[in-house]
């Protein structure tokens, strides 16, 4: 994803703004890491 951003835009898009939420600017990579940790913890406790 970063590779394609670098090729097509000349820079990496790392922040996303959502106008609906009060906290509307966040880092996409950090969001994916947190999501992965949540999935990992849920799977560990289900066993």
PDB file of N, CA and C in Angstrom:
ATOM      1  N   UNK A   1       0.823  -1.188   0.000  1.00  0.00           N
ATOM      2  CA  UNK A   1       0.000   0.000   0.000  1.00  0.00           C
ATOM      3  C   UNK A   1       0.873   1.260   0.000  1.00  0.00           C
ATOM      4  N   UNK A   2       1.869   1.301   0.882  1.00  0.00           N
ATOM      5  CA  UNK A   2       2.762   2.460   0.904  1.00  0.00           C
ATOM      6  C   UNK A   2       3.533   2.580  -0.406  1.00  0.00           C
ATOM      7  N   UNK A   3       3.881   1.437  -0.992  1.00  0.00           N
ATOM      8  CA  UNK A   3       4.597   1.433  -2.266  1.00  0.00           C
ATOM      9  C   UNK A   3       3.761   2.101  -3.360  1.00  0.00           C
ATOM     10  N   UNK A   4       2.482   1.730  -3.443  1.00  0.00           N
ATOM     11  CA  UNK A   4       1.609   2.305  -4.460  1.00  0.00           C
ATOM     12  C   UNK A   4       1.358   3.796  -4.205  1.00  0.00           C
ATOM     13  N   UNK A   5       1.200   4.173  -2.940  1.00  0.00           N
ATOM     14  CA  UNK A   5       1.047   5.599  -2.621  1.00  0.00           C
ATOM     15  C   UNK A   5       2.276   6.384  -3.068  1.00  0.00           C
ATOM     16  N   UNK A   6       3.450   5.821  -2.816  1.00  0.00           N
ATOM     17  CA  UNK A   6       4.697   6.491  -3.197  1.00  0.00           C
ATOM     18  C   UNK A   6       4.784   6.622  -4.724  1.00  0.00           C
ATOM     19  N   UNK A   7       4.375   5.586  -5.455  1.00  0.00           N
ATOM     20  CA  UNK A   7       4.432   5.617  -6.922  1.00  0.00           C
ATOM     21  C   UNK A   7       3.410   6.595  -7.504  1.00  0.00           C
ATOM     22  N   UNK A   8       2.147   6.481  -7.068  1.00  0.00           N
ATOM     23  CA  UNK A   8       1.068   7.256  -7.687  1.00  0.00           C
ATOM     24  C   UNK A   8       0.959   8.696  -7.181  1.00  0.00           C
ATOM     25  N   UNK A   9       1.239   8.912  -5.880  1.00  0.00           N
ATOM     26  CA  UNK A   9       1.068  10.248  -5.311  1.00  0.00           C
ATOM     27  C   UNK A   9       2.389  10.972  -5.062  1.00  0.00           C
ATOM     28  N   UNK A  10       3.479  10.215  -4.965  1.00  0.00           N
ATOM     29  CA  UNK A  10       4.774  10.810  -4.663  1.00  0.00           C
ATOM     30  C   UNK A  10       5.028  10.933  -3.173  1.00  0.00           C
ATOM     31  N   UNK A  11       4.074  10.533  -2.362  1.00  0.00           N
ATOM     32  CA  UNK A  11       4.202  10.541  -0.908  1.00  0.00           C
ATOM     33  C   UNK A  11       3.278   9.468  -0.341  1.00  0.00           C
ATOM     34  N   UNK A  12       3.473   9.162   0.933  1.00  0.00           N
ATOM     35  CA  UNK A  12       2.677   8.126   1.587  1.00  0.00           C
ATOM     36  C   UNK A  12       1.548   8.775   2.371  1.00  0.00           C
ATOM     37  N   UNK A  13       0.339   8.302   2.136  1.00  0.00           N
ATOM     38  CA  UNK A  13      -0.825   8.784   2.879  1.00  0.00           C
ATOM     39  C   UNK A  13      -0.900   7.975   4.169  1.00  0.00           C
ATOM     40  N   UNK A  14      -0.700   8.630   5.297  1.00  0.00           N
ATOM     41  CA  UNK A  14      -0.618   7.914   6.567  1.00  0.00           C
ATOM     42  C   UNK A  14      -1.739   8.299   7.524  1.00  0.00           C
ATOM     43  N   UNK A  15      -2.421   9.384   7.267  1.00  0.00           N
ATOM     44  CA  UNK A  15      -3.464   9.857   8.166  1.00  0.00           C
ATOM     45  C   UNK A  15      -4.794   9.877   7.435  1.00  0.00           C
ATOM     46  N   UNK A  16      -5.862   9.572   8.163  1.00  0.00           N
ATOM     47  CA  UNK A  16      -7.188   9.570   7.566  1.00  0.00           C
ATOM     48  C   UNK A  16      -8.089  10.479   8.386  1.00  0.00           C
ATOM     49  N   UNK A  17      -8.888  11.272   7.723  1.00  0.00           N
ATOM     50  CA  UNK A  17      -9.815  12.161   8.413  1.00  0.00           C
ATOM     51  C   UNK A  17     -11.239  11.723   8.100  1.00  0.00           C
ATOM     52  N   UNK A  18     -12.015  11.491   9.149  1.00  0.00           N
ATOM     53  CA  UNK A  18     -13.428  11.144   9.013  1.00  0.00           C
ATOM     54  C   UNK A  18     -14.217  12.279   9.646  1.00  0.00           C
ATOM     55  N   UNK A  19     -15.099  12.881   8.894  1.00  0.00           N
ATOM     56  CA  UNK A  19     -15.804  14.079   9.358  1.00  0.00           C
ATOM     57  C   UNK A  19     -16.943  13.762  10.324  1.00  0.00           C
ATOM     58  N   UNK A  20     -17.353  12.505  10.421  1.00  0.00           N
ATOM     59  CA  UNK A  20     -18.480  12.134  11.281  1.00  0.00           C
ATOM     60  C   UNK A  20     -18.061  12.042  12.752  1.00  0.00           C
ATOM     61  N   UNK A  21     -16.874  11.492  12.994  1.00  0.00           N
ATOM     62  CA  UNK A  21     -16.422  11.236  14.363  1.00  0.00           C
ATOM     63  C   UNK A  21     -15.791  12.484  14.977  1.00  0.00           C
ATOM     64  N   UNK A  22     -15.956  12.665  16.317  1.00  0.00           N
ATOM     65  CA  UNK A  22     -15.321  13.818  16.976  1.00  0.00           C
ATOM     66  C   UNK A  22     -13.792  13.743  16.934  1.00  0.00           C
ATOM     67  N   UNK A  23     -13.246  12.537  17.094  1.00  0.00           N
ATOM     68  CA  UNK A  23     -11.800  12.338  16.941  1.00  0.00           C
ATOM     69  C   UNK A  23     -11.621  11.877  15.501  1.00  0.00           C
ATOM     70  N   UNK A  24     -11.425  12.813  14.599  1.00  0.00           N
ATOM     71  CA  UNK A  24     -11.571  12.482  13.189  1.00  0.00           C
ATOM     72  C   UNK A  24     -10.269  12.244  12.438  1.00  0.00           C
ATOM     73  N   UNK A  25      -9.118  12.428  13.076  1.00  0.00           N
ATOM     74  CA  UNK A  25      -7.854  12.195  12.383  1.00  0.00           C
ATOM     75  C   UNK A  25      -7.115  11.084  13.113  1.00  0.00           C
ATOM     76  N   UNK A  26      -6.768  10.017  12.385  1.00  0.00           N
ATOM     77  CA  UNK A  26      -6.045   8.925  13.013  1.00  0.00           C
ATOM     78  C   UNK A  26      -5.095   8.292  12.017  1.00  0.00           C
ATOM     79  N   UNK A  27      -4.147   7.552  12.550  1.00  0.00           N
ATOM     80  CA  UNK A  27      -3.144   6.870  11.747  1.00  0.00           C
ATOM     81  C   UNK A  27      -3.681   5.498  11.368  1.00  0.00           C
ATOM     82  N   UNK A  28      -3.727   5.195  10.087  1.00  0.00           N
ATOM     83  CA  UNK A  28      -4.297   3.943   9.602  1.00  0.00           C
ATOM     84  C   UNK A  28      -3.486   2.742  10.085  1.00  0.00           C
ATOM     85  N   UNK A  29      -2.162   2.835  10.060  1.00  0.00           N
ATOM     86  CA  UNK A  29      -1.313   1.721  10.479  1.00  0.00           C
ATOM     87  C   UNK A  29      -1.530   1.399  11.953  1.00  0.00           C
ATOM     88  N   UNK A  30      -1.626   2.415  12.793  1.00  0.00           N
ATOM     89  CA  UNK A  30      -1.874   2.179  14.218  1.00  0.00           C
ATOM     90  C   UNK A  30      -3.229   1.522  14.435  1.00  0.00           C
ATOM     91  N   UNK A  31      -4.216   1.912  13.664  1.00  0.00           N
ATOM     92  CA  UNK A  31      -5.544   1.309  13.772  1.00  0.00           C
ATOM     93  C   UNK A  31      -5.493  -0.179  13.429  1.00  0.00           C
ATOM     94  N   UNK A  32      -4.752  -0.555  12.408  1.00  0.00           N
ATOM     95  CA  UNK A  32      -4.629  -1.961  12.015  1.00  0.00           C
ATOM     96  C   UNK A  32      -3.884  -2.770  13.077  1.00  0.00           C
ATOM     97  N   UNK A  33      -2.857  -2.188  13.679  1.00  0.00           N
ATOM     98  CA  UNK A  33      -2.117  -2.872  14.742  1.00  0.00           C
ATOM     99  C   UNK A  33      -3.021  -3.119  15.939  1.00  0.00           C
ATOM    100  N   UNK A  34      -3.779  -2.123  16.349  1.00  0.00           N
ATOM    101  CA  UNK A  34      -4.701  -2.273  17.477  1.00  0.00           C
ATOM    102  C   UNK A  34      -5.759  -3.321  17.160  1.00  0.00           C
ATOM    103  N   UNK A  35      -6.285  -3.308  15.930  1.00  0.00           N
ATOM    104  CA  UNK A  35      -7.266  -4.314  15.518  1.00  0.00           C
ATOM    105  C   UNK A  35      -6.691  -5.719  15.582  1.00  0.00           C
ATOM    106  N   UNK A  36      -5.459  -5.898  15.135  1.00  0.00           N
ATOM    107  CA  UNK A  36      -4.801  -7.204  15.196  1.00  0.00           C
ATOM    108  C   UNK A  36      -4.588  -7.674  16.619  1.00  0.00           C
ATOM    109  N   UNK A  37      -4.215  -6.768  17.503  1.00  0.00           N
ATOM    110  CA  UNK A  37      -4.024  -7.125  18.912  1.00  0.00           C
ATOM    111  C   UNK A  37      -5.348  -7.551  19.535  1.00  0.00           C
ATOM    112  N   UNK A  38      -6.412  -6.841  19.230  1.00  0.00           N
ATOM    113  CA  UNK A  38      -7.732  -7.197  19.767  1.00  0.00           C
ATOM    114  C   UNK A  38      -8.144  -8.582  19.282  1.00  0.00           C
ATOM    115  N   UNK A  39      -7.959  -8.868  17.996  1.00  0.00           N
ATOM    116  CA  UNK A  39      -8.300 -10.190  17.457  1.00  0.00           C
ATOM    117  C   UNK A  39      -7.463 -11.267  18.128  1.00  0.00           C
ATOM    118  N   UNK A  40      -6.178 -11.029  18.314  1.00  0.00           N
ATOM    119  CA  UNK A  40      -5.288 -11.996  18.957  1.00  0.00           C
ATOM    120  C   UNK A  40      -5.717 -12.283  20.388  1.00  0.00           C
ATOM    121  N   UNK A  41      -6.041 -11.253  21.150  1.00  0.00           N
ATOM    122  CA  UNK A  41      -6.462 -11.430  22.542  1.00  0.00           C
ATOM    123  C   UNK A  41      -7.773 -12.205  22.610  1.00  0.00           C
ATOM    124  N   UNK A  42      -8.725 -11.877  21.748  1.00  0.00           N
ATOM    125  CA  UNK A  42     -10.018 -12.578  21.742  1.00  0.00           C
ATOM    126  C   UNK A  42      -9.816 -14.047  21.413  1.00  0.00           C
ATOM    127  N   UNK A  43      -8.986 -14.363  20.424  1.00  0.00           N
ATOM    128  CA  UNK A  43      -8.741 -15.756  20.052  1.00  0.00           C
ATOM    129  C   UNK A  43      -8.026 -16.512  21.167  1.00  0.00           C
ATOM    130  N   UNK A  44      -7.124 -15.864  21.882  1.00  0.00           N
ATOM    131  CA  UNK A  44      -6.407 -16.527  22.978  1.00  0.00           C
ATOM    132  C   UNK A  44      -7.340 -16.864  24.128  1.00  0.00           C
ATOM    133  N   UNK A  45      -8.303 -16.006  24.422  1.00  0.00           N
ATOM    134  CA  UNK A  45      -9.208 -16.261  25.535  1.00  0.00           C
ATOM    135  C   UNK A  45     -10.335 -17.212  25.170  1.00  0.00           C
ATOM    136  N   UNK A  46     -10.602 -17.426  23.881  1.00  0.00           N
ATOM    137  CA  UNK A  46     -11.645 -18.358  23.471  1.00  0.00           C
ATOM    138  C   UNK A  46     -11.215 -19.806  23.647  1.00  0.00           C
ATOM    139  N   UNK A  47      -9.916 -20.083  23.650  1.00  0.00           N
ATOM    140  CA  UNK A  47      -9.431 -21.460  23.774  1.00  0.00           C
ATOM    141  C   UNK A  47      -9.569 -21.950  25.144  1.00  0.00           C
TER     142      UNK A  47
END
